[in-house]
């Protein structure tokens, strides 16, 4: 799960597919900003999009889902309910 921002990621960064020795599938949550993650609060619309992103990844058959920002730990309980 990715925040809604774009920057050139370097190898070693979790947002760089070159950081892993296996296929990685990313899904951006539209509207999920760094500031929201830092505050641990999202709007209802972003919460729906977060759930949609998780379901999309599950539909792709991923083996695990993680976030690209440590502040996303605040959303772990929400993610478990999906």
N, C-alpha and C. Protein backbone atom coordinates (compact mmCIF):
# COMPACT_ATOMS: atom_id res chain seq x y z
N UNK A 1 0.87 -1.17 0.00
CA UNK A 1 0.00 0.00 0.00
C UNK A 1 0.91 1.23 0.00
N UNK A 2 0.61 2.16 -0.89
CA UNK A 2 1.44 3.35 -0.99
C UNK A 2 0.64 4.61 -0.67
N UNK A 3 1.34 5.55 -0.07
CA UNK A 3 0.77 6.89 0.09
C UNK A 3 0.57 7.51 -1.28
N UNK A 4 -0.26 8.52 -1.34
CA UNK A 4 -0.53 9.21 -2.60
C UNK A 4 0.50 10.32 -2.80
N UNK A 5 1.67 9.93 -3.24
CA UNK A 5 2.73 10.88 -3.58
C UNK A 5 3.65 10.19 -4.57
N UNK A 6 4.42 10.97 -5.25
CA UNK A 6 5.30 10.41 -6.27
C UNK A 6 6.69 11.00 -6.11
N UNK A 7 7.65 10.17 -6.02
CA UNK A 7 9.04 10.61 -5.96
C UNK A 7 9.90 9.52 -6.58
N UNK A 8 11.06 9.89 -7.07
CA UNK A 8 11.94 8.86 -7.66
C UNK A 8 12.57 8.01 -6.56
N UNK A 9 12.17 6.77 -6.47
CA UNK A 9 12.70 5.90 -5.43
C UNK A 9 14.01 5.26 -5.89
N UNK A 10 14.88 5.05 -4.95
CA UNK A 10 16.18 4.45 -5.23
C UNK A 10 16.17 2.99 -4.75
N UNK A 11 17.02 2.19 -5.35
CA UNK A 11 17.15 0.81 -4.90
C UNK A 11 17.46 0.80 -3.41
N UNK A 12 16.78 -0.04 -2.68
CA UNK A 12 16.89 -0.08 -1.23
C UNK A 12 15.67 0.51 -0.56
N UNK A 13 14.96 1.37 -1.27
CA UNK A 13 13.73 1.97 -0.78
C UNK A 13 12.59 0.99 -0.99
N UNK A 14 11.66 0.92 -0.08
CA UNK A 14 10.54 -0.01 -0.21
C UNK A 14 9.67 0.28 -1.44
N UNK A 15 9.73 1.49 -1.96
CA UNK A 15 8.95 1.84 -3.15
C UNK A 15 9.66 1.49 -4.45
N UNK A 16 10.83 0.89 -4.36
CA UNK A 16 11.57 0.51 -5.57
C UNK A 16 11.50 -1.00 -5.77
N UNK A 17 10.92 -1.45 -6.88
CA UNK A 17 10.87 -2.89 -7.15
C UNK A 17 12.26 -3.52 -7.19
N UNK A 18 13.29 -2.73 -7.49
CA UNK A 18 14.66 -3.24 -7.54
C UNK A 18 15.19 -3.61 -6.15
N UNK A 19 14.46 -3.25 -5.10
CA UNK A 19 14.88 -3.55 -3.74
C UNK A 19 14.61 -4.99 -3.34
N UNK A 20 13.87 -5.70 -4.17
CA UNK A 20 13.43 -7.04 -3.82
C UNK A 20 13.85 -8.06 -4.87
N UNK A 21 14.04 -9.27 -4.45
CA UNK A 21 14.42 -10.35 -5.36
C UNK A 21 13.21 -11.14 -5.83
N UNK A 22 12.06 -10.52 -5.81
CA UNK A 22 10.81 -11.16 -6.23
C UNK A 22 9.87 -10.08 -6.73
N UNK A 23 8.78 -10.50 -7.36
CA UNK A 23 7.82 -9.53 -7.88
C UNK A 23 7.13 -8.80 -6.73
N UNK A 24 6.93 -7.52 -6.91
CA UNK A 24 6.24 -6.68 -5.93
C UNK A 24 5.11 -5.95 -6.65
N UNK A 25 3.94 -5.95 -6.04
CA UNK A 25 2.79 -5.25 -6.61
C UNK A 25 2.46 -4.08 -5.69
N UNK A 26 2.37 -2.90 -6.26
CA UNK A 26 2.07 -1.70 -5.49
C UNK A 26 0.66 -1.22 -5.79
N UNK A 27 0.05 -0.57 -4.81
CA UNK A 27 -1.26 0.06 -5.02
C UNK A 27 -1.28 1.35 -4.21
N UNK A 28 -1.43 2.46 -4.91
CA UNK A 28 -1.55 3.77 -4.26
C UNK A 28 -2.98 3.94 -3.75
N UNK A 29 -3.12 4.53 -2.58
CA UNK A 29 -4.44 4.88 -2.06
C UNK A 29 -4.66 6.36 -2.37
N UNK A 30 -5.49 6.67 -3.36
CA UNK A 30 -5.71 8.07 -3.72
C UNK A 30 -6.19 8.90 -2.53
N UNK A 31 -5.52 10.01 -2.30
CA UNK A 31 -5.89 10.91 -1.21
C UNK A 31 -5.21 10.62 0.11
N UNK A 32 -4.52 9.48 0.23
CA UNK A 32 -3.84 9.14 1.48
C UNK A 32 -2.49 9.85 1.51
N UNK A 33 -2.44 10.96 2.21
CA UNK A 33 -1.25 11.79 2.25
C UNK A 33 -0.34 11.40 3.43
N UNK A 34 0.89 11.88 3.35
CA UNK A 34 1.83 11.68 4.46
C UNK A 34 1.27 12.30 5.73
N UNK A 35 0.65 13.46 5.59
CA UNK A 35 0.11 14.16 6.76
C UNK A 35 -0.99 13.35 7.43
N UNK A 36 -1.82 12.70 6.63
CA UNK A 36 -2.86 11.83 7.21
C UNK A 36 -2.22 10.66 7.95
N UNK A 37 -1.23 10.04 7.32
CA UNK A 37 -0.56 8.91 7.96
C UNK A 37 0.10 9.35 9.25
N UNK A 38 0.72 10.50 9.23
CA UNK A 38 1.40 11.02 10.42
C UNK A 38 0.40 11.29 11.55
N UNK A 39 -0.77 11.79 11.19
CA UNK A 39 -1.81 12.08 12.18
C UNK A 39 -2.57 10.83 12.60
N UNK A 40 -2.50 9.78 11.77
CA UNK A 40 -3.21 8.55 12.07
C UNK A 40 -4.71 8.65 11.84
N UNK A 41 -5.11 9.62 11.01
CA UNK A 41 -6.53 9.84 10.74
C UNK A 41 -6.75 10.01 9.25
N UNK A 42 -7.83 9.40 8.75
CA UNK A 42 -8.17 9.51 7.34
C UNK A 42 -9.63 9.94 7.21
N UNK A 43 -9.97 10.45 6.05
CA UNK A 43 -11.37 10.78 5.77
C UNK A 43 -12.12 9.49 5.46
N UNK A 44 -13.44 9.56 5.44
CA UNK A 44 -14.24 8.38 5.10
C UNK A 44 -13.92 7.93 3.68
N UNK A 45 -13.74 8.89 2.77
CA UNK A 45 -13.43 8.56 1.38
C UNK A 45 -12.09 7.82 1.28
N UNK A 46 -11.09 8.30 1.98
CA UNK A 46 -9.78 7.64 1.95
C UNK A 46 -9.86 6.27 2.62
N UNK A 47 -10.65 6.14 3.66
CA UNK A 47 -10.81 4.83 4.30
C UNK A 47 -11.43 3.83 3.31
N UNK A 48 -12.41 4.25 2.53
CA UNK A 48 -13.00 3.37 1.51
C UNK A 48 -11.95 3.00 0.46
N UNK A 49 -11.17 3.99 0.05
CA UNK A 49 -10.13 3.72 -0.96
C UNK A 49 -9.05 2.79 -0.41
N UNK A 50 -8.74 2.93 0.87
CA UNK A 50 -7.77 2.05 1.53
C UNK A 50 -8.28 0.61 1.48
N UNK A 51 -9.55 0.42 1.80
CA UNK A 51 -10.16 -0.91 1.76
C UNK A 51 -10.15 -1.45 0.32
N UNK A 52 -10.48 -0.61 -0.63
CA UNK A 52 -10.46 -1.02 -2.03
C UNK A 52 -9.07 -1.46 -2.47
N UNK A 53 -8.05 -0.73 -2.01
CA UNK A 53 -6.67 -1.07 -2.37
C UNK A 53 -6.28 -2.43 -1.80
N UNK A 54 -6.66 -2.69 -0.57
CA UNK A 54 -6.34 -3.98 0.05
C UNK A 54 -7.06 -5.10 -0.70
N UNK A 55 -8.33 -4.91 -0.99
CA UNK A 55 -9.08 -5.94 -1.72
C UNK A 55 -8.50 -6.16 -3.11
N UNK A 56 -8.05 -5.10 -3.76
CA UNK A 56 -7.43 -5.22 -5.08
C UNK A 56 -6.16 -6.07 -4.99
N UNK A 57 -5.33 -5.79 -3.98
CA UNK A 57 -4.10 -6.56 -3.79
C UNK A 57 -4.42 -8.03 -3.49
N UNK A 58 -5.41 -8.26 -2.64
CA UNK A 58 -5.81 -9.63 -2.35
C UNK A 58 -6.27 -10.34 -3.63
N UNK A 59 -6.98 -9.61 -4.48
CA UNK A 59 -7.44 -10.17 -5.75
C UNK A 59 -6.29 -10.53 -6.68
N UNK A 60 -5.16 -9.87 -6.50
CA UNK A 60 -3.97 -10.18 -7.29
C UNK A 60 -3.21 -11.37 -6.72
N UNK A 61 -3.66 -11.88 -5.56
CA UNK A 61 -3.03 -13.06 -4.97
C UNK A 61 -1.75 -12.79 -4.22
N UNK A 62 -1.59 -11.57 -3.70
CA UNK A 62 -0.35 -11.27 -2.98
C UNK A 62 -0.23 -12.13 -1.72
N UNK A 63 1.00 -12.34 -1.29
CA UNK A 63 1.27 -13.14 -0.10
C UNK A 63 1.35 -12.31 1.17
N UNK A 64 1.55 -11.02 1.02
CA UNK A 64 1.63 -10.13 2.17
C UNK A 64 1.39 -8.70 1.73
N UNK A 65 0.92 -7.89 2.65
CA UNK A 65 0.67 -6.48 2.35
C UNK A 65 1.35 -5.65 3.42
N UNK A 66 2.07 -4.64 2.97
CA UNK A 66 2.72 -3.72 3.89
C UNK A 66 2.55 -2.31 3.35
N UNK A 67 2.86 -1.34 4.17
CA UNK A 67 2.77 0.06 3.76
C UNK A 67 4.14 0.63 3.48
N UNK A 68 4.16 1.71 2.72
CA UNK A 68 5.44 2.34 2.40
C UNK A 68 5.80 3.46 3.36
N UNK A 69 5.10 3.54 4.48
CA UNK A 69 5.37 4.59 5.48
C UNK A 69 5.14 3.99 6.86
N UNK A 70 6.08 4.16 7.75
CA UNK A 70 5.96 3.63 9.10
C UNK A 70 4.76 4.16 9.86
N UNK A 71 4.33 5.38 9.53
CA UNK A 71 3.16 5.95 10.20
C UNK A 71 1.88 5.19 9.86
N UNK A 72 1.91 4.34 8.83
CA UNK A 72 0.73 3.56 8.49
C UNK A 72 0.39 2.52 9.56
N UNK A 73 1.26 2.33 10.53
CA UNK A 73 0.93 1.42 11.65
C UNK A 73 -0.37 1.84 12.31
N UNK A 74 -0.69 3.12 12.26
CA UNK A 74 -1.94 3.62 12.84
C UNK A 74 -3.16 3.02 12.14
N UNK A 75 -2.98 2.49 10.95
CA UNK A 75 -4.10 1.95 10.17
C UNK A 75 -4.18 0.43 10.24
N UNK A 76 -3.34 -0.20 11.05
CA UNK A 76 -3.31 -1.66 11.14
C UNK A 76 -4.65 -2.24 11.56
N UNK A 77 -5.28 -1.64 12.56
CA UNK A 77 -6.57 -2.15 13.04
C UNK A 77 -7.61 -2.04 11.92
N UNK A 78 -7.62 -0.91 11.23
CA UNK A 78 -8.53 -0.72 10.11
C UNK A 78 -8.28 -1.78 9.03
N UNK A 79 -7.04 -2.05 8.72
CA UNK A 79 -6.70 -3.02 7.69
C UNK A 79 -7.15 -4.42 8.07
N UNK A 80 -7.04 -4.77 9.33
CA UNK A 80 -7.45 -6.12 9.79
C UNK A 80 -8.94 -6.35 9.63
N UNK A 81 -9.73 -5.30 9.65
CA UNK A 81 -11.19 -5.43 9.56
C UNK A 81 -11.68 -5.62 8.13
N UNK A 82 -10.77 -5.48 7.16
CA UNK A 82 -11.17 -5.56 5.76
C UNK A 82 -11.20 -7.01 5.30
